[in-house]
PDB file of N, CA and C in Angstrom:
ATOM      1  N   MET A   1     -28.561  -9.342   5.493  1.00  0.00           N
ATOM      2  CA  MET A   1     -27.910 -10.280   4.601  1.00  0.00           C
ATOM      3  C   MET A   1     -26.581  -9.692   4.129  1.00  0.00           C
ATOM      4  N   MET A   2     -25.534 -10.487   4.163  1.00  0.00           N
ATOM      5  CA  MET A   2     -24.219 -10.019   3.757  1.00  0.00           C
ATOM      6  C   MET A   2     -23.982 -10.273   2.281  1.00  0.00           C
ATOM      7  N   ARG A   3     -23.296  -9.314   1.668  1.00  0.00           N
ATOM      8  CA  ARG A   3     -22.931  -9.488   0.262  1.00  0.00           C
ATOM      9  C   ARG A   3     -21.517 -10.011   0.189  1.00  0.00           C
ATOM     10  N   GLY A   4     -21.301 -11.089  -0.539  1.00  0.00           N
ATOM     11  CA  GLY A   4     -19.958 -11.636  -0.711  1.00  0.00           C
ATOM     12  C   GLY A   4     -19.434 -12.258   0.566  1.00  0.00           C
ATOM     13  N   ALA A   5     -18.248 -12.781   0.468  1.00  0.00           N
ATOM     14  CA  ALA A   5     -17.625 -13.420   1.621  1.00  0.00           C
ATOM     15  C   ALA A   5     -16.829 -12.390   2.410  1.00  0.00           C
ATOM     16  N   MET A   6     -16.909 -12.464   3.700  1.00  0.00           N
ATOM     17  CA  MET A   6     -16.128 -11.573   4.553  1.00  0.00           C
ATOM     18  C   MET A   6     -14.696 -12.087   4.609  1.00  0.00           C
ATOM     19  N   ARG A   7     -13.755 -11.180   4.508  1.00  0.00           N
ATOM     20  CA  ARG A   7     -12.349 -11.558   4.586  1.00  0.00           C
ATOM     21  C   ARG A   7     -11.780 -11.007   5.880  1.00  0.00           C
ATOM     22  N   ARG A   8     -10.946 -11.802   6.494  1.00  0.00           N
ATOM     23  CA  ARG A   8     -10.260 -11.317   7.675  1.00  0.00           C
ATOM     24  C   ARG A   8      -9.095 -10.446   7.236  1.00  0.00           C
ATOM     25  N   ARG A   9      -8.758  -9.488   8.046  1.00  0.00           N
ATOM     26  CA  ARG A   9      -7.655  -8.584   7.713  1.00  0.00           C
ATOM     27  C   ARG A   9      -6.346  -9.366   7.529  1.00  0.00           C
ATOM     28  N   ALA A  10      -6.141 -10.391   8.316  1.00  0.00           N
ATOM     29  CA  ALA A  10      -4.927 -11.188   8.213  1.00  0.00           C
ATOM     30  C   ALA A  10      -4.840 -11.949   6.892  1.00  0.00           C
ATOM     31  N   ASP A  11      -5.968 -12.155   6.226  1.00  0.00           N
ATOM     32  CA  ASP A  11      -5.978 -12.881   4.953  1.00  0.00           C
ATOM     33  C   ASP A  11      -5.659 -11.995   3.752  1.00  0.00           C
ATOM     34  N   LEU A  12      -5.659 -10.678   3.935  1.00  0.00           N
ATOM     35  CA  LEU A  12      -5.402  -9.761   2.828  1.00  0.00           C
ATOM     36  C   LEU A  12      -3.913  -9.740   2.491  1.00  0.00           C
ATOM     37  N   PRO A  13      -3.555  -9.551   1.219  1.00  0.00           N
ATOM     38  CA  PRO A  13      -2.142  -9.500   0.847  1.00  0.00           C
ATOM     39  C   PRO A  13      -1.472  -8.247   1.411  1.00  0.00           C
ATOM     40  N   SER A  14      -0.180  -8.333   1.651  1.00  0.00           N
ATOM     41  CA  SER A  14       0.564  -7.180   2.134  1.00  0.00           C
ATOM     42  C   SER A  14       1.926  -7.164   1.462  1.00  0.00           C
ATOM     43  N   LYS A  15       2.600  -6.008   1.527  1.00  0.00           N
ATOM     44  CA  LYS A  15       3.949  -5.879   0.998  1.00  0.00           C
ATOM     45  C   LYS A  15       4.627  -4.722   1.721  1.00  0.00           C
ATOM     46  N   PRO A  16       5.953  -4.661   1.712  1.00  0.00           N
ATOM     47  CA  PRO A  16       6.659  -3.599   2.429  1.00  0.00           C
ATOM     48  C   PRO A  16       6.677  -2.296   1.630  1.00  0.00           C
ATOM     49  N   CYS A  17       6.640  -1.193   2.330  1.00  0.00           N
ATOM     50  CA  CYS A  17       6.740   0.134   1.730  1.00  0.00           C
ATOM     51  C   CYS A  17       8.177   0.349   1.269  1.00  0.00           C
ATOM     52  N   ARG A  18       8.360   0.919   0.088  1.00  0.00           N
ATOM     53  CA  ARG A  18       9.707   1.161  -0.438  1.00  0.00           C
ATOM     54  C   ARG A  18      10.449   2.237   0.326  1.00  0.00           C
ATOM     55  N   THR A  19       9.736   3.141   0.972  1.00  0.00           N
ATOM     56  CA  THR A  19      10.381   4.245   1.672  1.00  0.00           C
ATOM     57  C   THR A  19      10.690   3.908   3.124  1.00  0.00           C
ATOM     58  N   CYS A  20       9.685   3.492   3.881  1.00  0.00           N
ATOM     59  CA  CYS A  20       9.883   3.263   5.311  1.00  0.00           C
ATOM     60  C   CYS A  20      10.101   1.794   5.662  1.00  0.00           C
ATOM     61  N   GLY A  21       9.753   0.884   4.760  1.00  0.00           N
ATOM     62  CA  GLY A  21       9.969  -0.537   5.005  1.00  0.00           C
ATOM     63  C   GLY A  21       8.885  -1.229   5.806  1.00  0.00           C
ATOM     64  N   ARG A  22       7.914  -0.473   6.310  1.00  0.00           N
ATOM     65  CA  ARG A  22       6.840  -1.096   7.086  1.00  0.00           C
ATOM     66  C   ARG A  22       5.865  -1.814   6.163  1.00  0.00           C
ATOM     67  N   PRO A  23       5.315  -2.930   6.599  1.00  0.00           N
ATOM     68  CA  PRO A  23       4.341  -3.635   5.758  1.00  0.00           C
ATOM     69  C   PRO A  23       3.006  -2.896   5.734  1.00  0.00           C
ATOM     70  N   PHE A  24       2.343  -2.921   4.577  1.00  0.00           N
ATOM     71  CA  PHE A  24       0.998  -2.365   4.477  1.00  0.00           C
ATOM     72  C   PHE A  24       0.134  -3.339   3.719  1.00  0.00           C
ATOM     73  N   ARG A  25      -1.146  -3.315   4.032  1.00  0.00           N
ATOM     74  CA  ARG A  25      -2.093  -4.277   3.473  1.00  0.00           C
ATOM     75  C   ARG A  25      -2.883  -3.700   2.306  1.00  0.00           C
ATOM     76  N   TRP A  26      -3.400  -4.620   1.516  1.00  0.00           N
ATOM     77  CA  TRP A  26      -4.245  -4.307   0.375  1.00  0.00           C
ATOM     78  C   TRP A  26      -5.454  -3.513   0.832  1.00  0.00           C
ATOM     79  N   ARG A  27      -5.863  -2.540   0.019  1.00  0.00           N
ATOM     80  CA  ARG A  27      -7.083  -1.774   0.273  1.00  0.00           C
ATOM     81  C   ARG A  27      -7.964  -1.848  -0.966  1.00  0.00           C
ATOM     82  N   ARG A  28      -9.241  -1.731  -0.752  1.00  0.00           N
ATOM     83  CA  ARG A  28     -10.183  -1.839  -1.870  1.00  0.00           C
ATOM     84  C   ARG A  28      -9.884  -0.798  -2.958  1.00  0.00           C
ATOM     85  N   LYS A  29      -9.477   0.411  -2.561  1.00  0.00           N
ATOM     86  CA  LYS A  29      -9.221   1.450  -3.567  1.00  0.00           C
ATOM     87  C   LYS A  29      -8.021   1.109  -4.438  1.00  0.00           C
ATOM     88  N   TRP A  30      -7.171   0.167  -3.991  1.00  0.00           N
ATOM     89  CA  TRP A  30      -6.021  -0.264  -4.785  1.00  0.00           C
ATOM     90  C   TRP A  30      -6.311  -1.549  -5.554  1.00  0.00           C
ATOM     91  N   SER A  31      -7.547  -1.974  -5.636  1.00  0.00           N
ATOM     92  CA  SER A  31      -7.876  -3.263  -6.250  1.00  0.00           C
ATOM     93  C   SER A  31      -7.432  -3.350  -7.706  1.00  0.00           C
ATOM     94  N   ARG A  32      -7.507  -2.251  -8.449  1.00  0.00           N
ATOM     95  CA  ARG A  32      -7.118  -2.272  -9.867  1.00  0.00           C
ATOM     96  C   ARG A  32      -5.636  -2.014 -10.086  1.00  0.00           C
ATOM     97  N   CYS A  33      -4.944  -1.447  -9.106  1.00  0.00           N
ATOM     98  CA  CYS A  33      -3.551  -1.045  -9.326  1.00  0.00           C
ATOM     99  C   CYS A  33      -2.616  -1.547  -8.226  1.00  0.00           C
ATOM    100  N   TRP A  34      -2.940  -2.648  -7.568  1.00  0.00           N
ATOM    101  CA  TRP A  34      -2.141  -3.156  -6.450  1.00  0.00           C
ATOM    102  C   TRP A  34      -0.680  -3.380  -6.847  1.00  0.00           C
ATOM    103  N   ASP A  35      -0.420  -3.814  -8.071  1.00  0.00           N
ATOM    104  CA  ASP A  35       0.958  -4.061  -8.499  1.00  0.00           C
ATOM    105  C   ASP A  35       1.760  -2.768  -8.638  1.00  0.00           C
ATOM    106  N   GLU A  36       1.093  -1.646  -8.869  1.00  0.00           N
ATOM    107  CA  GLU A  36       1.788  -0.364  -9.017  1.00  0.00           C
ATOM    108  C   GLU A  36       1.943   0.396  -7.712  1.00  0.00           C
ATOM    109  N   VAL A  37       1.270  -0.037  -6.644  1.00  0.00           N
ATOM    110  CA  VAL A  37       1.352   0.658  -5.359  1.00  0.00           C
ATOM    111  C   VAL A  37       2.651   0.243  -4.668  1.00  0.00           C
ATOM    112  N   HIS A  38       3.482   1.253  -4.327  1.00  0.00           N
ATOM    113  CA  HIS A  38       4.786   0.963  -3.730  1.00  0.00           C
ATOM    114  C   HIS A  38       4.983   1.600  -2.363  1.00  0.00           C
ATOM    115  N   HIS A  39       4.113   2.541  -1.989  1.00  0.00           N
ATOM    116  CA  HIS A  39       4.283   3.267  -0.734  1.00  0.00           C
ATOM    117  C   HIS A  39       3.035   3.125   0.121  1.00  0.00           C
ATOM    118  N   CYS A  40       3.245   3.089   1.433  1.00  0.00           N
ATOM    119  CA  CYS A  40       2.130   2.868   2.355  1.00  0.00           C
ATOM    120  C   CYS A  40       1.242   4.093   2.527  1.00  0.00           C
ATOM    121  N   SER A  41       1.783   5.267   2.248  1.00  0.00           N
ATOM    122  CA  SER A  41       1.013   6.488   2.457  1.00  0.00           C
ATOM    123  C   SER A  41       1.468   7.576   1.497  1.00  0.00           C
ATOM    124  N   GLU A  42       0.686   8.627   1.453  1.00  0.00           N
ATOM    125  CA  GLU A  42       1.040   9.790   0.640  1.00  0.00           C
ATOM    126  C   GLU A  42       2.314  10.439   1.177  1.00  0.00           C
ATOM    127  N   ARG A  43       2.471  10.424   2.473  1.00  0.00           N
ATOM    128  CA  ARG A  43       3.670  10.997   3.093  1.00  0.00           C
ATOM    129  C   ARG A  43       4.930  10.273   2.631  1.00  0.00           C
ATOM    130  N   CYS A  44       4.916   8.960   2.606  1.00  0.00           N
ATOM    131  CA  CYS A  44       6.067   8.183   2.137  1.00  0.00           C
ATOM    132  C   CYS A  44       6.322   8.416   0.648  1.00  0.00           C
ATOM    133  N   ARG A  45       5.272   8.547  -0.134  1.00  0.00           N
ATOM    134  CA  ARG A  45       5.439   8.804  -1.563  1.00  0.00           C
ATOM    135  C   ARG A  45       6.111  10.148  -1.802  1.00  0.00           C
ATOM    136  N   ARG A  46       5.668  11.189  -1.068  1.00  0.00           N
ATOM    137  CA  ARG A  46       6.290  12.516  -1.205  1.00  0.00           C
ATOM    138  C   ARG A  46       7.734  12.502  -0.736  1.00  0.00           C
ATOM    139  N   GLN A  47       8.001  11.800   0.356  1.00  0.00           N
ATOM    140  CA  GLN A  47       9.371  11.720   0.874  1.00  0.00           C
ATOM    141  C   GLN A  47      10.292  11.028  -0.131  1.00  0.00           C
ATOM    142  N   ALA A  48       9.823  10.009  -0.778  1.00  0.00           N
ATOM    143  CA  ALA A  48      10.617   9.305  -1.782  1.00  0.00           C
ATOM    144  C   ALA A  48      10.941  10.235  -2.950  1.00  0.00           C
ATOM    145  N   ARG A  49       9.971  11.045  -3.367  1.00  0.00           N
ATOM    146  CA  ARG A  49      10.223  12.017  -4.451  1.00  0.00           C
ATOM    147  C   ARG A  49      11.276  13.030  -4.032  1.00  0.00           C
ATOM    148  N   ARG A  50      11.201  13.517  -2.775  1.00  0.00           N
ATOM    149  CA  ARG A  50      12.197  14.479  -2.289  1.00  0.00           C
ATOM    150  C   ARG A  50      13.587  13.866  -2.246  1.00  0.00           C
ATOM    151  N   LEU A  51      13.670  12.606  -1.829  1.00  0.00           N
ATOM    152  CA  LEU A  51      14.980  11.947  -1.750  1.00  0.00           C
ATOM    153  C   LEU A  51      15.588  11.732  -3.126  1.00  0.00           C
ATOM    154  N   ARG A  52      14.745  11.466  -4.133  1.00  0.00           N
ATOM    155  CA  ARG A  52      15.261  11.283  -5.501  1.00  0.00           C
ATOM    156  C   ARG A  52      15.776  12.586  -6.071  1.00  0.00           C
ATOM    157  N   ARG A  53      15.148  13.705  -5.722  1.00  0.00           N
ATOM    158  CA  ARG A  53      15.558  15.008  -6.252  1.00  0.00           C
ATOM    159  C   ARG A  53      16.815  15.537  -5.597  1.00  0.00           C
ATOM    160  N   ALA A  54      17.052  15.207  -4.335  1.00  0.00           N
ATOM    161  CA  ALA A  54      18.191  15.746  -3.600  1.00  0.00           C
ATOM    162  C   ALA A  54      19.509  15.278  -4.206  1.00  0.00           C
ATOM    163  N   PRO A  55      20.469  16.198  -4.302  1.00  0.00           N
ATOM    164  CA  PRO A  55      21.772  15.826  -4.893  1.00  0.00           C
ATOM    165  C   PRO A  55      22.611  14.976  -3.969  1.00  0.00           C
TER     166      PRO A  55
END
């Protein structure tokens, strides 16, 4: 027996990464903070921090 409705991956919300520009999709771990998520990966987040620090 399945719990809840199954969602197709194409039905999930997505938005572009601020660093690389590639689209990324919603993940369950971001369910509470989706509006604050701006980068597709930890690598992009670290790269953005390095770019802000560079003179």
